[in-house]
């Protein structure tokens, strides 16, 4: 069994409905509609800093939310489920390709 097979999306029940939509918008506004990790502006995701699986009591707590771009959110999730970070050379190559795709 792979590590990601053990990962379950515990926040799925939390991220549905009007309460989440209002809280998500509040987090995005607070963070200036940019990724708190890299400053990217565009399609953003609102992430639970302390995962819902570990702290369900903080599921609707604004102080436990942060705005992240898709890449930063994917990296954080990968670390949480046990995947090692990319080696610096691989990360630099990926960032170069991403930058080239954006500037194209």
N, C-alpha and C. Protein backbone atom coordinates (compact mmCIF):
# COMPACT_ATOMS: atom_id res chain seq x y z
N UNK A 1 0.85 -1.18 0.00
CA UNK A 1 0.00 0.00 0.00
C UNK A 1 0.89 1.24 0.00
N UNK A 2 0.58 2.19 -0.85
CA UNK A 2 1.37 3.42 -0.93
C UNK A 2 0.95 4.40 0.16
N UNK A 3 1.83 5.35 0.40
CA UNK A 3 1.54 6.35 1.42
C UNK A 3 0.30 7.16 1.09
N UNK A 4 0.14 7.49 -0.20
CA UNK A 4 -1.02 8.30 -0.55
C UNK A 4 -2.32 7.51 -0.46
N UNK A 5 -2.25 6.17 -0.48
CA UNK A 5 -3.46 5.37 -0.31
C UNK A 5 -3.98 5.51 1.12
N UNK A 6 -3.09 5.83 2.06
CA UNK A 6 -3.50 6.01 3.45
C UNK A 6 -4.12 7.38 3.69
N UNK A 7 -3.91 8.31 2.75
CA UNK A 7 -4.40 9.67 2.93
C UNK A 7 -5.88 9.73 2.59
N UNK A 8 -6.63 10.29 3.50
CA UNK A 8 -8.07 10.49 3.27
C UNK A 8 -8.36 11.97 3.39
N UNK A 9 -9.23 12.44 2.58
CA UNK A 9 -9.55 13.86 2.60
C UNK A 9 -10.58 14.13 3.70
N UNK A 10 -10.10 14.31 4.90
CA UNK A 10 -10.95 14.53 6.06
C UNK A 10 -11.70 15.86 5.99
N UNK A 11 -11.16 16.81 5.25
CA UNK A 11 -11.79 18.12 5.18
C UNK A 11 -12.95 18.17 4.19
N UNK A 12 -13.20 17.09 3.47
CA UNK A 12 -14.25 17.10 2.44
C UNK A 12 -15.60 17.53 3.01
N UNK A 13 -15.97 17.00 4.16
CA UNK A 13 -17.26 17.36 4.76
C UNK A 13 -17.29 18.81 5.22
N UNK A 14 -16.13 19.35 5.56
CA UNK A 14 -16.04 20.72 6.06
C UNK A 14 -16.15 21.73 4.93
N UNK A 15 -15.61 21.39 3.77
CA UNK A 15 -15.49 22.35 2.68
C UNK A 15 -16.70 22.37 1.76
N UNK A 16 -17.84 22.06 2.28
CA UNK A 16 -19.09 22.12 1.53
C UNK A 16 -20.04 23.07 2.27
N UNK A 17 -20.81 23.80 1.54
CA UNK A 17 -21.85 24.60 2.15
C UNK A 17 -21.52 26.08 2.28
N UNK A 18 -22.52 26.83 2.68
CA UNK A 18 -22.42 28.28 2.77
C UNK A 18 -21.44 28.73 3.85
N UNK A 19 -21.36 28.01 4.95
CA UNK A 19 -20.45 28.41 6.03
C UNK A 19 -19.01 28.41 5.52
N UNK A 20 -18.62 27.34 4.81
CA UNK A 20 -17.26 27.26 4.28
C UNK A 20 -17.02 28.34 3.23
N UNK A 21 -17.98 28.56 2.36
CA UNK A 21 -17.82 29.56 1.30
C UNK A 21 -17.56 30.94 1.90
N UNK A 22 -18.27 31.31 2.95
CA UNK A 22 -18.08 32.61 3.59
C UNK A 22 -16.71 32.67 4.29
N UNK A 23 -16.34 31.60 4.97
CA UNK A 23 -15.06 31.56 5.67
C UNK A 23 -13.90 31.59 4.68
N UNK A 24 -14.04 30.88 3.56
CA UNK A 24 -13.02 30.85 2.52
C UNK A 24 -12.79 32.25 1.96
N UNK A 25 -13.85 32.95 1.66
CA UNK A 25 -13.74 34.32 1.14
C UNK A 25 -13.08 35.23 2.17
N UNK A 26 -13.42 35.06 3.42
CA UNK A 26 -12.81 35.87 4.48
C UNK A 26 -11.30 35.62 4.56
N UNK A 27 -10.88 34.36 4.44
CA UNK A 27 -9.44 34.03 4.46
C UNK A 27 -8.73 34.63 3.26
N UNK A 28 -9.34 34.54 2.07
CA UNK A 28 -8.74 35.11 0.87
C UNK A 28 -8.58 36.62 1.00
N UNK A 29 -9.60 37.28 1.51
CA UNK A 29 -9.52 38.74 1.70
C UNK A 29 -8.42 39.09 2.70
N UNK A 30 -8.37 38.37 3.81
CA UNK A 30 -7.36 38.64 4.83
C UNK A 30 -5.95 38.50 4.25
N UNK A 31 -5.75 37.51 3.38
CA UNK A 31 -4.44 37.25 2.80
C UNK A 31 -4.18 38.07 1.54
N UNK A 32 -5.05 39.00 1.23
CA UNK A 32 -4.84 39.88 0.08
C UNK A 32 -4.95 39.17 -1.26
N UNK A 33 -5.68 38.09 -1.31
CA UNK A 33 -5.87 37.31 -2.54
C UNK A 33 -4.54 36.91 -3.17
N UNK A 34 -3.60 36.48 -2.32
CA UNK A 34 -2.33 35.95 -2.83
C UNK A 34 -1.84 34.82 -1.94
N UNK A 35 -1.02 33.95 -2.52
CA UNK A 35 -0.46 32.81 -1.79
C UNK A 35 0.44 33.34 -0.68
N UNK A 36 0.20 32.86 0.54
CA UNK A 36 1.01 33.34 1.67
C UNK A 36 2.42 32.76 1.63
N UNK A 37 2.64 31.71 0.83
CA UNK A 37 3.96 31.09 0.75
C UNK A 37 4.84 31.72 -0.33
N UNK A 38 4.26 32.00 -1.50
CA UNK A 38 5.08 32.48 -2.62
C UNK A 38 4.60 33.79 -3.22
N UNK A 39 3.44 34.28 -2.81
CA UNK A 39 2.93 35.55 -3.32
C UNK A 39 2.17 35.46 -4.64
N UNK A 40 2.00 34.26 -5.17
CA UNK A 40 1.29 34.11 -6.45
C UNK A 40 -0.14 34.61 -6.31
N UNK A 41 -0.58 35.29 -7.35
CA UNK A 41 -1.97 35.78 -7.41
C UNK A 41 -2.62 35.04 -8.57
N UNK A 42 -3.75 34.55 -8.37
CA UNK A 42 -4.45 33.77 -9.39
C UNK A 42 -5.37 32.79 -8.71
N UNK A 43 -5.47 31.61 -9.26
CA UNK A 43 -6.33 30.60 -8.66
C UNK A 43 -5.72 30.16 -7.32
N UNK A 44 -6.44 30.40 -6.25
CA UNK A 44 -5.94 30.07 -4.92
C UNK A 44 -6.83 29.05 -4.23
N UNK A 45 -6.23 28.32 -3.33
CA UNK A 45 -6.94 27.35 -2.51
C UNK A 45 -6.79 27.79 -1.06
N UNK A 46 -7.81 27.53 -0.27
CA UNK A 46 -7.72 27.85 1.16
C UNK A 46 -7.43 26.54 1.89
N UNK A 47 -6.31 26.55 2.60
CA UNK A 47 -5.75 25.36 3.24
C UNK A 47 -5.91 25.44 4.75
N UNK A 48 -6.15 24.29 5.36
CA UNK A 48 -6.12 24.19 6.82
C UNK A 48 -4.66 24.03 7.24
N UNK A 49 -4.13 24.95 8.02
CA UNK A 49 -2.74 24.89 8.47
C UNK A 49 -2.52 23.62 9.27
N UNK A 50 -3.33 23.39 10.26
CA UNK A 50 -3.34 22.13 10.99
C UNK A 50 -4.47 21.30 10.38
N UNK A 51 -4.14 20.16 9.78
CA UNK A 51 -5.14 19.38 9.04
C UNK A 51 -6.37 19.02 9.87
N UNK A 52 -7.49 18.95 9.19
CA UNK A 52 -8.75 18.60 9.85
C UNK A 52 -8.66 17.22 10.51
N UNK A 53 -7.92 16.30 9.89
CA UNK A 53 -7.80 14.96 10.47
C UNK A 53 -7.14 15.00 11.84
N UNK A 54 -6.26 16.00 12.07
CA UNK A 54 -5.57 16.13 13.35
C UNK A 54 -6.29 17.06 14.32
N UNK A 55 -6.92 18.10 13.78
CA UNK A 55 -7.59 19.11 14.62
C UNK A 55 -8.96 19.46 14.05
N UNK A 56 -9.93 18.56 14.14
CA UNK A 56 -11.26 18.86 13.63
C UNK A 56 -11.92 20.04 14.33
N UNK A 57 -11.49 20.33 15.56
CA UNK A 57 -12.05 21.48 16.28
C UNK A 57 -11.67 22.81 15.65
N UNK A 58 -10.64 22.84 14.81
CA UNK A 58 -10.20 24.07 14.15
C UNK A 58 -10.65 24.15 12.69
N UNK A 59 -11.55 23.27 12.30
CA UNK A 59 -11.98 23.20 10.90
C UNK A 59 -12.59 24.50 10.40
N UNK A 60 -13.29 25.23 11.25
CA UNK A 60 -13.92 26.49 10.85
C UNK A 60 -13.32 27.68 11.59
N UNK A 61 -12.05 27.58 11.96
CA UNK A 61 -11.35 28.65 12.66
C UNK A 61 -10.49 29.41 11.64
N UNK A 62 -10.78 30.68 11.45
CA UNK A 62 -10.07 31.49 10.46
C UNK A 62 -8.56 31.52 10.71
N UNK A 63 -8.15 31.47 11.97
CA UNK A 63 -6.71 31.50 12.27
C UNK A 63 -6.01 30.22 11.83
N UNK A 64 -6.75 29.18 11.51
CA UNK A 64 -6.16 27.93 11.03
C UNK A 64 -6.24 27.81 9.51
N UNK A 65 -6.54 28.89 8.82
CA UNK A 65 -6.65 28.86 7.36
C UNK A 65 -5.60 29.75 6.74
N UNK A 66 -5.15 29.35 5.54
CA UNK A 66 -4.21 30.16 4.78
C UNK A 66 -4.50 29.99 3.30
N UNK A 67 -4.23 31.04 2.54
CA UNK A 67 -4.42 31.01 1.09
C UNK A 67 -3.13 30.51 0.45
N UNK A 68 -3.24 29.48 -0.38
CA UNK A 68 -2.09 28.92 -1.08
C UNK A 68 -2.42 28.73 -2.55
N UNK A 69 -1.40 28.90 -3.39
CA UNK A 69 -1.57 28.56 -4.81
C UNK A 69 -1.58 27.04 -4.93
N UNK A 70 -1.96 26.54 -6.06
CA UNK A 70 -2.04 25.09 -6.25
C UNK A 70 -0.72 24.38 -6.00
N UNK A 71 0.39 24.96 -6.47
CA UNK A 71 1.70 24.34 -6.28
C UNK A 71 2.12 24.26 -4.82
N UNK A 72 1.96 25.36 -4.10
CA UNK A 72 2.33 25.37 -2.68
C UNK A 72 1.43 24.45 -1.87
N UNK A 73 0.14 24.41 -2.23
CA UNK A 73 -0.78 23.54 -1.52
C UNK A 73 -0.42 22.07 -1.78
N UNK A 74 -0.09 21.74 -3.02
CA UNK A 74 0.29 20.36 -3.35
C UNK A 74 1.56 19.96 -2.62
N UNK A 75 2.53 20.88 -2.54
CA UNK A 75 3.78 20.58 -1.82
C UNK A 75 3.53 20.34 -0.34
N UNK A 76 2.69 21.18 0.25
CA UNK A 76 2.38 21.03 1.67
C UNK A 76 1.68 19.70 1.93
N UNK A 77 0.72 19.38 1.07
CA UNK A 77 -0.01 18.12 1.23
C UNK A 77 0.93 16.93 1.07
N UNK A 78 1.84 16.99 0.11
CA UNK A 78 2.80 15.89 -0.10
C UNK A 78 3.67 15.69 1.13
N UNK A 79 4.11 16.79 1.75
CA UNK A 79 4.90 16.67 2.98
C UNK A 79 4.08 16.05 4.10
N UNK A 80 2.82 16.45 4.20
CA UNK A 80 1.95 15.93 5.26
C UNK A 80 1.72 14.43 5.14
N UNK A 81 1.66 13.93 3.92
CA UNK A 81 1.40 12.50 3.74
C UNK A 81 2.68 11.68 3.66
N UNK A 82 3.84 12.34 3.80
CA UNK A 82 5.08 11.60 3.93
C UNK A 82 5.99 11.58 2.71
N UNK A 83 5.68 12.32 1.67
CA UNK A 83 6.57 12.36 0.52
C UNK A 83 7.71 13.33 0.80
N UNK A 84 8.91 12.97 0.40
CA UNK A 84 10.07 13.83 0.60
C UNK A 84 9.98 15.04 -0.33
N UNK A 85 10.54 16.18 0.08
CA UNK A 85 10.55 17.34 -0.81
C UNK A 85 11.41 17.07 -2.04
N UNK A 86 11.17 17.82 -3.10
CA UNK A 86 11.97 17.67 -4.31
C UNK A 86 13.41 18.08 -4.04
N UNK A 87 14.37 17.38 -4.67
CA UNK A 87 15.76 17.84 -4.57
C UNK A 87 15.88 19.23 -5.19
N UNK A 88 16.83 20.06 -4.75
CA UNK A 88 16.95 21.43 -5.25
C UNK A 88 17.06 21.52 -6.78
N UNK A 89 17.80 20.59 -7.41
CA UNK A 89 17.95 20.64 -8.87
C UNK A 89 16.62 20.40 -9.55
N UNK A 90 15.86 19.44 -9.05
CA UNK A 90 14.55 19.12 -9.64
C UNK A 90 13.57 20.28 -9.45
N UNK A 91 13.61 20.88 -8.25
CA UNK A 91 12.73 22.02 -7.99
C UNK A 91 13.09 23.19 -8.91
N UNK A 92 14.38 23.46 -9.09
CA UNK A 92 14.81 24.55 -9.97
C UNK A 92 14.35 24.29 -11.41
N UNK A 93 14.46 23.05 -11.86
CA UNK A 93 14.02 22.70 -13.21
C UNK A 93 12.51 22.88 -13.35
N UNK A 94 11.76 22.41 -12.37
CA UNK A 94 10.31 22.55 -12.40
C UNK A 94 9.89 24.03 -12.40
N UNK A 95 10.57 24.82 -11.57
CA UNK A 95 10.25 26.25 -11.50
C UNK A 95 10.57 26.95 -12.82
N UNK A 96 11.68 26.55 -13.46
CA UNK A 96 12.04 27.12 -14.76
C UNK A 96 10.99 26.78 -15.81
N UNK A 97 10.53 25.54 -15.82
CA UNK A 97 9.49 25.14 -16.77
C UNK A 97 8.19 25.88 -16.51
N UNK A 98 7.83 26.04 -15.26
CA UNK A 98 6.62 26.75 -14.90
C UNK A 98 6.70 28.20 -15.32
N UNK A 99 7.84 28.82 -15.07
CA UNK A 99 8.03 30.23 -15.44
C UNK A 99 7.93 30.38 -16.96
N UNK A 100 8.53 29.44 -17.70
CA UNK A 100 8.47 29.49 -19.16
C UNK A 100 7.06 29.34 -19.69
N UNK A 101 6.26 28.49 -19.04
CA UNK A 101 4.88 28.28 -19.46
C UNK A 101 4.04 29.52 -19.18
N UNK A 102 4.33 30.22 -18.11
CA UNK A 102 3.57 31.42 -17.76
C UNK A 102 3.92 32.56 -18.72
N UNK A 103 5.19 32.67 -19.07
CA UNK A 103 5.64 33.76 -19.96
C UNK A 103 5.36 33.49 -21.43
N UNK A 104 4.94 32.29 -21.76
CA UNK A 104 4.71 31.94 -23.18
C UNK A 104 3.44 32.59 -23.71
